Protein backbone atom coordinates (compact mmCIF):
# COMPACT_ATOMS: atom_id res chain seq x y z
CA MET A 1 148.01 196.09 108.44
CA GLU A 2 148.25 192.33 108.66
CA GLU A 3 151.31 190.86 110.35
CA HIS A 4 153.21 188.10 108.64
CA ALA A 5 155.76 185.55 109.74
CA LYS A 6 158.94 186.85 111.26
CA ALA A 7 162.04 186.68 109.10
CA PRO A 8 165.68 186.83 110.05
CA SER A 9 167.38 190.17 109.59
CA LEU A 10 169.16 190.30 106.26
CA MET A 11 172.30 192.34 105.83
CA GLY A 12 171.26 193.16 102.26
CA TRP A 13 167.90 194.70 103.21
CA TRP A 14 168.22 197.27 100.41
CA MET A 15 168.00 194.43 97.86
CA ASN A 16 164.63 193.19 99.16
CA THR A 17 161.86 194.29 96.79
CA GLU A 18 159.14 192.10 98.28
CA SER A 19 158.73 192.99 101.95
CA TRP A 20 159.78 195.25 104.80
CA THR A 21 160.59 194.08 108.31
CA THR A 22 159.11 196.45 110.88
CA ARG A 23 160.73 197.42 114.18
CA THR A 24 158.62 194.76 115.87
CA GLY A 25 159.97 192.10 113.53
CA ALA A 26 156.79 191.71 111.50
CA VAL A 27 157.40 191.12 107.80
CA VAL A 28 154.96 193.09 105.65
CA PRO A 29 154.70 192.95 101.85
CA LEU A 30 155.66 196.32 100.34
CA GLU A 31 152.29 196.51 98.58
CA GLN A 32 150.54 196.53 101.98
CA LEU A 33 152.50 199.49 103.31
CA SER A 34 150.80 202.86 103.14
CA PRO A 35 152.30 205.45 100.79
CA SER A 36 153.40 207.52 103.80
CA HIS A 37 155.12 204.49 105.35
CA ARG A 38 156.97 203.89 102.07
CA GLU A 39 158.01 207.55 101.98
CA ASN A 40 159.23 207.31 105.59
CA ILE A 41 161.39 204.29 104.66
CA ILE A 42 162.92 206.22 101.76
CA ALA A 43 163.52 209.25 104.00
CA MET A 44 165.21 207.02 106.59
CA ILE A 45 167.50 205.59 103.92
CA HIS A 46 168.35 209.15 102.80
CA SER A 47 169.67 210.01 106.27
CA ARG A 48 173.39 210.74 106.23
CA SER A 49 174.35 208.00 108.67
CA VAL A 50 172.56 205.34 106.61
CA VAL A 51 174.10 206.53 103.33
CA ARG A 52 177.56 206.66 104.91
CA ARG A 53 177.13 203.09 106.13
CA LEU A 54 175.77 202.00 102.74
CA ARG A 55 178.86 203.35 100.96
CA SER A 56 181.04 201.16 103.20
CA VAL A 57 178.87 198.05 102.96
CA LEU A 58 178.39 198.32 99.20
CA GLY A 59 182.15 198.67 98.78
CA TYR A 60 182.65 195.56 100.91
CA PHE A 61 180.11 193.63 98.84
CA ALA A 62 181.89 194.74 95.67
CA LEU A 63 185.00 193.00 96.99
CA LEU A 64 183.01 189.78 97.28
CA ALA A 65 181.40 190.03 93.82
CA PRO A 66 182.62 187.78 91.00
CA ALA A 67 185.42 189.39 89.00
CA ASN A 68 183.32 190.13 85.91
CA TYR A 69 179.95 191.06 87.41
CA ILE A 70 178.61 193.56 89.87
CA GLY A 71 175.03 192.48 90.49
CA PHE A 72 174.06 195.90 91.71
CA ASP A 73 172.05 198.10 89.43
CA TYR A 74 173.64 201.54 89.48
CA GLU A 75 172.79 202.71 85.99
CA ASN A 76 169.25 201.35 85.63
CA ASP A 77 170.47 198.04 84.28
CA ASP A 78 172.70 195.18 85.34
CA VAL A 79 176.26 196.16 84.67
CA LEU A 80 178.96 194.10 83.04
CA LEU A 81 182.31 195.81 83.29
CA ALA A 82 185.86 194.93 82.26
CA ASP A 83 187.11 195.93 85.71
CA PRO A 84 183.96 195.96 87.79
CA PHE A 85 185.55 196.58 91.15
CA SER A 86 187.51 199.67 90.11
CA GLU A 87 184.71 201.17 88.06
CA TYR A 88 182.09 200.42 90.70
CA MET A 89 184.27 201.84 93.47
CA ASP A 90 184.92 204.96 91.38
CA TRP A 91 181.17 205.36 90.97
CA LEU A 92 180.57 204.70 94.68
CA ASP A 93 183.18 207.32 95.63
CA SER A 94 181.86 209.97 93.24
CA ALA A 95 178.11 209.34 93.39
CA SER A 96 175.93 211.71 95.34
CA ASP A 97 173.96 210.41 98.30
CA ASP A 98 170.79 210.71 96.19
CA GLU A 99 172.32 208.65 93.36
CA ILE A 100 173.27 205.89 95.79
CA VAL A 101 169.90 205.85 97.54
CA ASN A 102 167.94 206.01 94.28
CA SER A 103 169.95 203.11 92.83
CA LEU A 104 168.86 200.74 95.62
CA PRO A 105 166.38 198.09 94.45
CA LEU A 106 164.24 198.63 97.58
CA VAL A 107 163.95 202.38 96.95
CA LYS A 108 163.17 201.84 93.27
CA ARG A 109 160.35 199.46 94.20
CA LEU A 110 158.90 201.79 96.86
CA VAL A 111 158.91 204.71 94.41
CA GLU A 112 157.33 202.49 91.74
CA LEU A 113 154.54 201.39 94.12
CA ASN A 114 153.79 204.96 95.18
CA ALA A 115 153.79 206.16 91.57
CA ALA A 116 151.37 203.37 90.63
CA GLU A 117 149.05 204.63 93.37
CA GLY A 118 149.41 208.23 92.24
CA ASN A 119 151.67 209.29 95.10
CA SER A 120 155.11 210.82 94.77
CA SER A 121 158.04 209.74 96.89
CA PRO A 122 161.15 211.68 97.84
CA GLY A 123 164.14 210.78 95.76
């Protein structure tokens, strides 16, 4: 696997659908990751501690979102809501861990790449 330029750590890593930053700090395009590496990333995101943290961080980001738009795709499309914060927070509180993980743009892209290569991913 070819190493690429190092990138700063982004708090919104789950929104990145182009690359993954490895533990060594190398930035690798998602297409260059092996299917098993992609599956390991998805499994890591599914861990309880990561999902618990995501619920908190996503709620915090919802506070920062413009009043009429939550730019986070939680029903397979961008969502325009009359009261986005309340509805999004209700969804965030009631959604299963799988629903939250599977709604992340990074996870969607990893699953899409594996499916295109004939591999299935957890989720």
